[in-house]
């Protein structure tokens, strides 16, 4: 029996009394992935990206482990909810225009002490001030650095379109703006190198592309390490008491941790290990989060139909954004239908061994987005469900 087949047996036995659709997290795999992230971080704390987990119980579980400290959130409303739930170090990774949220933040000492907001433009500071509604609490601020790689004199850009702040002088000037403005305190700097951390460098069947990605990422790491160090020096010259410099992501943990200027690493997807994180030479995780759909039809030889399953991930549309049938091994989509809103035909010889009501297990393309489809996660230990915990959706929250 292959390891994957053994996992299927465990998952089927653990959930035998439960009807699909359902979602699970294999705690043995989850904890092993957490250990691997800590190993790669080499002593630097890991700030957990909440959008890649979207389950309070699992956020609490990972933060109880050595090597993890703090959360990186994705909306201001989520940040405030997490802070009210007892998480006392929440870094909002994206600028917000949530005026009502800023009013709450500015009027509550506990929230203001627990949440750090992201800015990359003085206009965002003005928006926050205009939203205070009488609140006088000091707002903790983090600046974001553009990490993109520029080639051919800037005519070619590789990396996400995020912050407009690129060079040390720009970051230092905004740092001075924050320092001069009453009601704000600059505490951190963030730089997310998505073109390194979030792009696989070993794609099956595409050796030339993979080699090109590795060359790009080597050049990007070298350029960013030097520029990030210069930016940190420039910002610390304005604010010597800077609390943290955050960088990296699941795919770049060990590389970013090696930079002296970086004090903490961000990661989250590496806990669940969705399919987009299969194509890396630098690490190999264990799939921990899966969802099951029931077989509801047997249209013919080598074909079964499962309920639903059409859960595409965000990003540029493409086959890599689709979930994949994972267990039993050997199933594939019908090219004419793909994963459907209500039904999904699956082809392959394993279909002939599946009966009506059997479960087919899938992996999502991304990590936390799976939790937007399910209100609960069944936590698997061995061959049993040890707990059922709500996702954000199960607690009544869909922040985006």
Protein backbone atom coordinates (compact mmCIF):
# COMPACT_ATOMS: atom_id res chain seq x y z
CA UNK A 1 0.00 0.00 0.00
CA UNK A 2 1.39 3.43 -0.95
CA UNK A 3 1.52 6.21 1.66
CA UNK A 4 -1.27 8.00 -0.16
CA UNK A 5 -3.41 4.87 -0.21
CA UNK A 6 -2.78 4.46 3.52
CA UNK A 7 -3.90 8.03 4.10
CA UNK A 8 -7.06 7.38 2.13
CA UNK A 9 -7.82 4.37 4.30
CA UNK A 10 -7.33 6.44 7.45
CA UNK A 11 -9.47 9.30 6.23
CA UNK A 12 -12.26 7.02 5.03
CA UNK A 13 -12.31 5.15 8.34
CA UNK A 14 -12.20 8.33 10.42
CA UNK A 15 -15.12 9.85 8.53
CA UNK A 16 -17.11 6.67 7.83
CA UNK A 17 -20.07 7.91 9.88
CA UNK A 18 -20.01 11.36 8.26
CA UNK A 19 -21.60 12.35 4.99
CA UNK A 20 -19.62 14.34 2.43
CA UNK A 21 -19.14 17.13 1.48
CA UNK A 22 -16.74 17.74 4.34
CA UNK A 23 -13.25 19.12 4.97
CA UNK A 24 -10.49 17.72 7.14
CA UNK A 25 -7.11 18.67 8.53
CA UNK A 26 -4.70 15.84 9.27
CA UNK A 27 -3.09 17.00 12.52
CA UNK A 28 -0.05 14.75 12.14
CA UNK A 29 0.72 16.36 8.78
CA UNK A 30 -0.15 19.85 10.07
CA UNK A 31 2.24 19.53 13.01
CA UNK A 32 4.99 18.04 10.84
CA UNK A 33 4.66 20.96 8.43
CA UNK A 34 4.86 23.39 11.36
CA UNK A 35 8.06 21.71 12.53
CA UNK A 36 9.55 21.98 9.06
CA UNK A 37 8.78 25.72 8.87
CA UNK A 38 10.50 26.24 12.22
CA UNK A 39 13.52 24.24 11.05
CA UNK A 40 13.83 26.34 7.92
CA UNK A 41 13.42 29.60 9.85
CA UNK A 42 16.60 28.73 11.80
CA UNK A 43 15.70 30.48 15.01
CA UNK A 44 13.75 33.45 13.68
CA UNK A 45 10.09 33.58 14.77
CA UNK A 46 7.37 32.82 12.25
CA UNK A 47 4.37 35.11 12.04
CA UNK A 48 1.40 33.03 10.89
CA UNK A 49 -0.53 34.29 7.86
CA UNK A 50 -4.14 33.93 9.00
CA UNK A 51 -5.60 34.01 5.49
CA UNK A 52 -3.87 30.69 4.84
CA UNK A 53 -5.51 29.04 7.87
CA UNK A 54 -8.88 30.80 8.52
CA UNK A 55 -9.65 28.74 11.60
CA UNK A 56 -9.16 30.14 15.08
CA UNK A 57 -8.60 26.75 16.70
CA UNK A 58 -5.74 25.94 14.33
CA UNK A 59 -4.24 29.41 14.68
CA UNK A 60 -4.20 28.86 18.43
CA UNK A 61 -2.69 25.40 17.97
CA UNK A 62 0.24 26.59 15.88
CA UNK A 63 0.94 29.63 18.05
CA UNK A 64 1.31 27.33 21.05
CA UNK A 65 4.33 25.75 19.34
CA UNK A 66 7.86 27.02 19.82
CA UNK A 67 9.06 29.10 16.89
CA UNK A 68 5.77 30.86 16.11
CA UNK A 69 4.83 34.35 17.30
CA UNK A 70 2.04 36.66 16.13
CA UNK A 71 -0.43 36.72 13.27
CA UNK A 72 -0.47 38.38 9.87
CA UNK A 73 -4.09 39.23 9.03
CA UNK A 74 -5.75 40.22 5.76
CA UNK A 75 -8.50 42.73 6.62
CA UNK A 76 -8.97 45.27 9.38
CA UNK A 77 -12.28 43.70 10.46
CA UNK A 78 -10.54 40.34 10.81
CA UNK A 79 -7.70 41.98 12.75
CA UNK A 80 -10.10 43.53 15.26
CA UNK A 81 -12.01 40.27 15.66
CA UNK A 82 -8.80 38.33 16.27
CA UNK A 83 -7.61 40.91 18.80
CA UNK A 84 -10.94 40.71 20.63
CA UNK A 85 -10.58 36.92 20.60
CA UNK A 86 -7.33 37.09 22.56
CA UNK A 87 -4.62 37.31 19.90
CA UNK A 88 -2.41 40.14 21.10
CA UNK A 89 -0.02 40.62 18.15
CA UNK A 90 -1.81 41.07 14.82
CA UNK A 91 -0.12 42.65 11.81
CA UNK A 92 -2.55 43.71 9.09
CA UNK A 93 -0.65 42.90 5.89
CA UNK A 94 -2.64 45.14 3.53
CA UNK A 95 -3.75 48.78 3.61
CA UNK A 96 -7.39 49.29 4.51
CA UNK A 97 -10.10 51.87 3.79
CA UNK A 98 -12.37 50.54 6.56
CA UNK A 99 -13.29 53.81 8.29
CA UNK A 100 -15.59 52.17 10.81
CA UNK A 101 -12.82 49.74 11.72
CA UNK A 102 -10.32 52.54 12.21
CA UNK A 103 -12.77 54.33 14.50
CA UNK A 104 -12.97 51.21 16.64
CA UNK A 105 -9.20 50.81 16.64
CA UNK A 106 -8.59 54.42 17.66
CA UNK A 107 -11.08 54.28 20.53
CA UNK A 108 -10.06 51.01 22.20
CA UNK A 109 -6.73 50.76 24.09
CA UNK A 110 -6.62 46.95 23.89
CA UNK A 111 -7.23 46.90 20.13
CA UNK A 112 -4.74 49.70 19.51
CA UNK A 113 -2.06 47.85 21.46
CA UNK A 114 -2.70 44.55 19.66
CA UNK A 115 -3.14 45.56 16.00
CA UNK A 116 -0.56 47.06 13.62
CA UNK A 117 -1.83 48.51 10.33
CA UNK A 118 -0.08 48.70 6.97
CA UNK A 119 0.62 51.93 5.08
CA UNK A 120 2.62 52.85 2.00
CA UNK A 121 1.19 56.31 1.27
CA UNK A 122 0.64 59.45 3.41
CA UNK A 123 -2.94 59.52 2.12
CA UNK A 124 -3.61 56.37 4.13
CA UNK A 125 -2.53 58.17 7.30
CA UNK A 126 -4.93 60.99 6.45
CA UNK A 127 -7.75 58.50 5.91
CA UNK A 128 -7.11 56.94 9.32
CA UNK A 129 -7.05 60.35 11.00
CA UNK A 130 -10.30 61.29 9.28
CA UNK A 131 -11.93 58.09 10.52
CA UNK A 132 -10.98 58.38 14.22
CA UNK A 133 -14.39 59.77 15.23
CA UNK A 134 -12.97 61.14 18.45
CA UNK A 135 -10.73 58.16 19.20
CA UNK A 136 -7.33 59.22 20.51
CA UNK A 137 -5.42 55.93 20.80
CA UNK A 138 -2.00 55.78 19.14
CA UNK A 139 -2.11 53.69 15.97
CA UNK A 140 0.72 51.23 15.40
CA UNK A 141 2.01 51.44 11.81
CA UNK A 142 4.07 49.20 9.53
CA UNK A 143 5.54 50.31 6.19
CA UNK A 144 5.62 48.03 3.15
CA UNK A 145 8.53 47.79 0.74
CA UNK A 146 8.06 46.89 -2.93
CA UNK A 147 10.10 43.72 -3.46
CA UNK A 148 9.71 43.34 -7.23
CA UNK A 149 12.72 42.63 -9.40
CA UNK A 150 13.33 45.29 -12.06
CA UNK A 151 15.33 44.41 -15.16
CA UNK A 152 16.42 46.26 -18.31
CA UNK A 153 16.40 49.63 -16.63
CA UNK A 154 12.98 49.07 -15.09
CA UNK A 155 11.25 48.11 -18.35
CA UNK A 156 10.68 44.57 -17.03
CA UNK A 157 9.07 44.03 -13.65
CA UNK A 158 8.80 40.64 -11.93
CA UNK A 159 6.70 40.58 -8.78
CA UNK A 160 3.35 41.64 -7.40
CA UNK A 161 2.00 45.17 -7.82
CA UNK A 162 1.91 46.11 -4.16
CA UNK A 163 3.67 49.02 -2.45
CA UNK A 164 4.90 52.05 -4.45
CA UNK A 165 7.82 52.40 -2.02
CA UNK A 166 10.98 50.92 -3.45
CA UNK A 167 14.18 52.66 -2.42
CA UNK A 168 15.61 53.63 0.98
CA UNK A 169 14.92 57.34 0.51
CA UNK A 170 11.21 56.74 -0.14
CA UNK A 171 10.81 54.53 2.93
CA UNK A 172 12.76 56.96 5.11
CA UNK A 173 10.61 59.87 3.97
CA UNK A 174 7.37 58.06 4.82
CA UNK A 175 8.92 57.01 8.15
CA UNK A 176 9.53 60.69 8.88
CA UNK A 177 5.92 61.48 7.93
CA UNK A 178 4.68 58.91 10.44
CA UNK A 179 7.06 60.13 13.13
CA UNK A 180 5.94 63.75 12.68
CA UNK A 181 2.24 62.93 12.72
CA UNK A 182 0.60 62.85 16.18
CA UNK A 183 -1.35 59.70 17.00
CA UNK A 184 0.84 57.25 15.08
CA UNK A 185 3.88 55.15 15.96
CA UNK A 186 6.03 53.39 13.38
CA UNK A 187 6.85 49.91 14.69
CA UNK A 188 7.60 47.71 11.68
CA UNK A 189 8.64 47.15 8.11
CA UNK A 190 7.31 44.43 5.82
CA UNK A 191 8.51 43.11 2.47
CA UNK A 192 6.78 40.12 0.86
CA UNK A 193 8.73 38.61 -2.02
CA UNK A 194 5.86 36.75 -3.63
CA UNK A 195 7.78 36.05 -6.84
CA UNK A 196 10.18 33.98 -4.72
CA UNK A 197 7.98 32.69 -1.90
CA UNK A 198 4.89 31.96 -3.98
CA UNK A 199 6.21 30.66 -7.32
CA UNK A 200 7.26 27.02 -7.64
CA UNK A 201 10.66 26.40 -9.18
CA UNK A 202 10.25 22.75 -10.15
CA UNK A 203 7.12 22.26 -12.24
CA UNK A 204 6.65 18.72 -13.51
CA UNK A 205 7.05 18.46 -17.28
CA UNK A 206 8.37 22.02 -17.67
CA UNK A 207 12.14 21.83 -17.16
CA UNK A 208 13.00 24.98 -19.12
CA UNK A 209 10.44 27.11 -17.30
CA UNK A 210 11.58 25.69 -13.98
CA UNK A 211 15.21 26.52 -14.75
CA UNK A 212 14.22 30.06 -15.75
CA UNK A 213 12.28 30.50 -12.50
CA UNK A 214 15.28 29.34 -10.47
CA UNK A 215 17.56 31.82 -12.24
CA UNK A 216 15.05 34.63 -11.70
CA UNK A 217 14.64 33.78 -8.03
CA UNK A 218 18.40 33.64 -7.43
CA UNK A 219 18.77 37.11 -8.95
CA UNK A 220 15.72 38.39 -7.05
CA UNK A 221 16.97 37.14 -3.68
CA UNK A 222 20.37 38.71 -4.21
CA UNK A 223 18.97 42.08 -5.27
CA UNK A 224 16.33 42.19 -2.56
CA UNK A 225 18.69 41.21 0.25
CA UNK A 226 20.95 44.17 -0.50
CA UNK A 227 18.08 46.62 -1.01
CA UNK A 228 16.13 45.44 2.03
CA UNK A 229 19.20 45.86 4.24
CA UNK A 230 19.69 49.41 2.93
CA UNK A 231 16.01 50.22 3.53
CA UNK A 232 16.16 48.90 7.08
CA UNK A 233 19.22 51.04 7.80
CA UNK A 234 17.47 54.11 6.40
CA UNK A 235 14.27 53.54 8.37
CA UNK A 236 16.12 52.75 11.60
CA UNK A 237 17.99 56.03 11.20
CA UNK A 238 14.59 57.71 11.55
CA UNK A 239 13.04 55.27 14.05
CA UNK A 240 15.80 53.42 15.94
CA UNK A 241 13.28 51.55 18.08
CA UNK A 242 11.71 49.69 15.12
CA UNK A 243 10.23 46.51 16.60
CA UNK A 244 10.29 44.13 13.64
CA UNK A 245 11.26 43.60 10.01
CA UNK A 246 9.00 41.00 8.42
CA UNK A 247 9.76 39.14 5.21
CA UNK A 248 9.36 35.95 3.27
CA UNK A 249 6.65 33.38 2.81
CA UNK A 250 6.30 29.60 2.81
CA UNK A 251 8.42 29.13 -0.31
CA UNK A 252 11.32 31.33 0.82
CA UNK A 253 11.56 30.78 4.58
CA UNK A 254 15.17 29.66 4.78
CA UNK A 255 16.42 32.22 2.26
CA UNK A 256 14.72 35.18 3.94
CA UNK A 257 15.72 33.99 7.41
CA UNK A 258 19.37 34.13 6.32
CA UNK A 259 19.14 37.92 5.88
CA UNK A 260 20.49 39.69 8.95
CA UNK A 261 18.13 42.64 8.44
CA UNK A 262 15.01 40.45 8.74
CA UNK A 263 13.80 39.75 12.29
CA UNK A 264 10.76 37.52 11.57
CA UNK A 265 9.33 35.39 8.78
CA UNK A 266 5.75 35.22 7.50
CA UNK A 267 4.27 31.86 6.54
CA UNK A 268 0.92 30.14 6.53
CA UNK A 269 0.29 28.03 3.44
CA UNK A 270 3.06 25.67 4.49
CA UNK A 271 0.84 24.41 7.31
CA UNK A 272 -1.86 23.05 4.98
CA UNK A 273 0.38 22.54 1.89
CA UNK A 274 -2.14 23.06 -0.93
CA UNK A 275 -1.31 21.92 -4.46
CA UNK A 276 0.41 25.18 -5.50
CA UNK A 277 3.18 24.31 -3.05
CA UNK A 278 4.08 20.98 -4.64
CA UNK A 279 6.60 22.47 -7.05
CA UNK A 280 9.53 23.61 -4.91
CA UNK A 281 13.08 22.33 -4.72
CA UNK A 282 13.69 23.97 -1.35
CA UNK A 283 11.15 22.00 0.69
CA UNK A 284 8.50 19.28 0.54
CA UNK A 285 5.51 19.40 2.87
CA UNK A 286 2.71 16.97 3.58
CA UNK A 287 -0.81 17.73 2.35
CA UNK A 288 -2.75 18.39 5.56
CA UNK A 289 -6.03 19.99 4.41
CA UNK A 290 -8.37 18.12 2.09
CA UNK A 291 -12.04 18.06 1.22
CA UNK A 292 -14.22 15.12 0.28
CA UNK A 293 -17.10 14.98 -2.17
CA UNK A 294 -19.49 11.99 -2.45
CA UNK A 295 -19.92 9.82 -5.51
CA UNK A 296 -23.50 10.31 -6.69
CA UNK A 297 -23.46 8.79 -10.20
CA UNK A 298 -21.69 6.09 -12.21
CA UNK A 299 -22.28 7.16 -15.83
CA UNK A 300 -20.22 4.38 -17.38
CA UNK A 301 -17.00 2.39 -17.31
CA UNK A 302 -14.14 4.41 -15.92
CA UNK A 303 -16.35 7.33 -14.88
CA UNK A 304 -17.93 8.51 -11.65
CA UNK A 305 -19.67 11.77 -10.86
CA UNK A 306 -19.23 13.50 -7.52
CA UNK A 307 -21.32 16.26 -6.05
CA UNK A 308 -19.95 19.78 -6.56
CA UNK A 309 -16.25 20.43 -6.16
CA UNK A 310 -15.90 23.46 -8.42
CA UNK A 311 -13.83 25.51 -5.98
CA UNK A 312 -11.33 27.52 -8.03
CA UNK A 313 -8.68 29.57 -6.26
CA UNK A 314 -8.03 33.28 -6.69
CA UNK A 315 -5.37 34.58 -9.06
CA UNK A 316 -4.94 34.53 -12.82
CA UNK A 317 -7.37 31.96 -14.22
CA UNK A 318 -5.76 28.70 -15.24
CA UNK A 319 -5.65 24.97 -14.61
CA UNK A 320 -3.28 25.48 -11.70
CA UNK A 321 -6.07 27.32 -9.83
CA UNK A 322 -8.33 24.28 -9.78
CA UNK A 323 -8.54 21.75 -6.97
CA UNK A 324 -7.21 18.32 -7.88
CA UNK A 325 -8.71 14.87 -7.21
CA UNK A 326 -6.16 13.34 -4.84
CA UNK A 327 -7.54 10.09 -3.39
CA UNK A 328 -7.96 7.52 -4.75
CA UNK A 329 -4.93 8.08 -6.93
CA UNK A 330 -5.39 8.15 -10.69
CA UNK A 331 -8.60 10.16 -11.15
CA UNK A 332 -8.73 13.13 -13.50
CA UNK A 333 -11.23 15.68 -14.76
CA UNK A 334 -13.20 15.42 -17.98
CA UNK A 335 -11.60 18.12 -20.15
CA UNK A 336 -15.04 19.15 -21.43
CA UNK A 337 -16.49 19.77 -17.96
CA UNK A 338 -13.77 20.21 -15.37
CA UNK A 339 -14.83 20.69 -11.73
CA UNK A 340 -18.46 21.78 -11.72
CA UNK A 341 -20.66 23.94 -9.57
CA UNK A 342 -23.05 21.08 -8.79
CA UNK A 343 -21.45 17.97 -10.26
CA UNK A 344 -17.98 16.88 -11.36
CA UNK A 345 -17.33 13.87 -13.60
CA UNK A 346 -14.06 12.07 -12.85
CA UNK A 347 -12.30 9.72 -15.23
CA UNK A 348 -9.82 6.90 -14.72
CA UNK A 349 -9.68 3.23 -13.83
CA UNK A 350 -10.06 3.86 -10.05
CA UNK A 351 -13.61 5.03 -10.81
CA UNK A 352 -14.67 1.43 -11.37
CA UNK A 353 -13.92 0.59 -7.74
CA UNK A 354 -15.99 3.47 -6.35
CA UNK A 355 -19.57 2.96 -5.20
CA UNK A 356 -22.40 5.43 -4.76
CA UNK A 357 -21.75 7.27 -1.51
CA UNK A 358 -17.98 6.70 -1.48
CA UNK A 359 -15.77 9.71 -0.88
CA UNK A 360 -13.29 11.22 -3.32
CA UNK A 361 -10.69 13.40 -1.61
CA UNK A 362 -9.47 16.64 -3.20
CA UNK A 363 -6.74 19.17 -2.55
CA UNK A 364 -7.46 22.87 -3.03
CA UNK A 365 -5.05 24.95 -5.09
CA UNK A 366 -4.57 27.43 -2.24
CA UNK A 367 -4.63 27.07 1.52
CA UNK A 368 -7.16 29.08 3.50
CA UNK A 369 -9.57 29.63 0.61
CA UNK A 370 -10.82 26.08 1.21
CA UNK A 371 -12.32 27.34 4.48
CA UNK A 372 -14.59 29.76 2.63
CA UNK A 373 -16.42 26.66 1.31
CA UNK A 374 -16.89 24.83 4.61
CA UNK A 375 -18.15 25.92 8.01
CA UNK A 376 -16.20 23.27 9.91
CA UNK A 377 -12.97 21.29 9.76
CA UNK A 378 -12.80 17.73 11.04
CA UNK A 379 -9.44 17.23 12.75
CA UNK A 380 -8.00 13.79 12.05
CA UNK A 381 -5.69 11.94 14.42
CA UNK A 382 -4.84 8.44 13.29
CA UNK A 383 -8.09 6.84 12.22
CA UNK A 384 -10.47 9.04 14.18
CA UNK A 385 -11.94 12.52 14.15
CA UNK A 386 -10.58 14.00 17.36
CA UNK A 387 -12.46 17.32 17.10
CA UNK A 388 -14.70 19.41 14.88
CA UNK A 389 -13.76 23.08 14.82
CA UNK A 390 -15.40 26.02 13.04
CA UNK A 391 -13.76 27.88 10.20
CA UNK A 392 -14.13 31.66 9.95
CA UNK A 393 -17.25 30.97 7.89
CA UNK A 394 -18.53 28.65 10.61
CA UNK A 395 -18.20 31.50 13.10
CA UNK A 396 -20.24 33.75 10.82
CA UNK A 397 -17.37 35.68 9.24
CA UNK A 398 -16.47 36.09 5.58
CA UNK A 399 -14.03 38.98 5.69
CA UNK A 400 -13.47 39.11 1.92
